[in-house]
C-alpha atoms as a PDB file:
ATOM      1  CA  MET A   1       6.361  27.930   4.830  1.00  0.00           C
ATOM      2  CA  GLU A   2       2.688  28.511   4.345  1.00  0.00           C
ATOM      3  CA  PRO A   3       0.256  26.149   6.062  1.00  0.00           C
ATOM      4  CA  ALA A   4      -1.250  25.107   2.709  1.00  0.00           C
ATOM      5  CA  THR A   5       2.180  24.001   1.473  1.00  0.00           C
ATOM      6  CA  VAL A   6       2.833  21.978   4.618  1.00  0.00           C
ATOM      7  CA  LEU A   7      -0.600  20.348   4.351  1.00  0.00           C
ATOM      8  CA  SER A   8      -0.065  19.496   0.681  1.00  0.00           C
ATOM      9  CA  ILE A   9       3.354  17.968   1.295  1.00  0.00           C
ATOM     10  CA  SER A  10       2.072  16.023   4.303  1.00  0.00           C
ATOM     11  CA  THR A  11      -0.896  14.665   2.353  1.00  0.00           C
ATOM     12  CA  ALA A  12       1.334  13.636  -0.541  1.00  0.00           C
ATOM     13  CA  ALA A  13       3.782  11.928   1.836  1.00  0.00           C
ATOM     14  CA  VAL A  14       0.983   9.953   3.504  1.00  0.00           C
ATOM     15  CA  LEU A  15      -0.447   8.842   0.144  1.00  0.00           C
ATOM     16  CA  ILE A  16       2.991   7.763  -1.095  1.00  0.00           C
ATOM     17  CA  ALA A  17       3.620   5.849   2.152  1.00  0.00           C
ATOM     18  CA  ILE A  18       0.281   4.018   1.915  1.00  0.00           C
ATOM     19  CA  THR A  19       0.940   3.143  -1.729  1.00  0.00           C
ATOM     20  CA  ALA A  20       4.452   1.901  -0.962  1.00  0.00           C
ATOM     21  CA  TYR A  21       3.153  -0.240   1.911  1.00  0.00           C
ATOM     22  CA  GLY A  22       0.481  -1.744  -0.326  1.00  0.00           C
ATOM     23  CA  ILE A  23       3.034  -2.625  -2.996  1.00  0.00           C
ATOM     24  CA  TYR A  24       5.337  -4.130  -0.351  1.00  0.00           C
ATOM     25  CA  VAL A  25       2.550  -6.301   1.084  1.00  0.00           C
ATOM     26  CA  SER A  26       1.358  -7.360  -2.386  1.00  0.00           C
ATOM     27  CA  PHE A  27       4.696  -8.227  -3.949  1.00  0.00           C
ATOM     28  CA  GLY A  28       7.234  -8.387  -1.107  1.00  0.00           C
ATOM     29  CA  PRO A  29       8.005 -11.151   1.391  1.00  0.00           C
ATOM     30  CA  PRO A  30       4.613 -10.870   3.189  1.00  0.00           C
ATOM     31  CA  SER A  31       2.897 -11.927  -0.049  1.00  0.00           C
ATOM     32  CA  GLU A  32       3.944 -15.531   0.630  1.00  0.00           C
ATOM     33  CA  GLU A  33       1.293 -15.693   3.378  1.00  0.00           C
ATOM     34  CA  LEU A  34      -1.550 -14.352   1.216  1.00  0.00           C
ATOM     35  CA  ALA A  35      -4.174 -16.910   0.175  1.00  0.00           C
ATOM     36  CA  ASP A  36      -5.524 -17.093  -3.360  1.00  0.00           C
ATOM     37  CA  PRO A  37      -9.293 -17.747  -3.113  1.00  0.00           C
ATOM     38  CA  PHE A  38      -9.420 -19.019  -6.707  1.00  0.00           C
ATOM     39  CA  GLU A  39      -6.887 -21.760  -5.953  1.00  0.00           C
ATOM     40  CA  ASP A  40      -8.754 -22.748  -2.790  1.00  0.00           C
ATOM     41  CA  HIS A  41     -12.037 -23.455  -4.613  1.00  0.00           C
ATOM     42  CA  GLU A  42     -11.392 -25.437  -7.758  1.00  0.00           C
ATOM     43  CA  ASP A  43     -14.434 -26.501  -9.757  1.00  0.00           C
END
């Protein structure tokens, strides 16, 4: 394979992995530990 193809595939894989991790943290089991700043400070 050409180096440009390998670089493109690697970059795409990293971006997909970061996106998947962000979705997992936001909506998966770790989201139970996230604090909502709007609920903490009621006016």
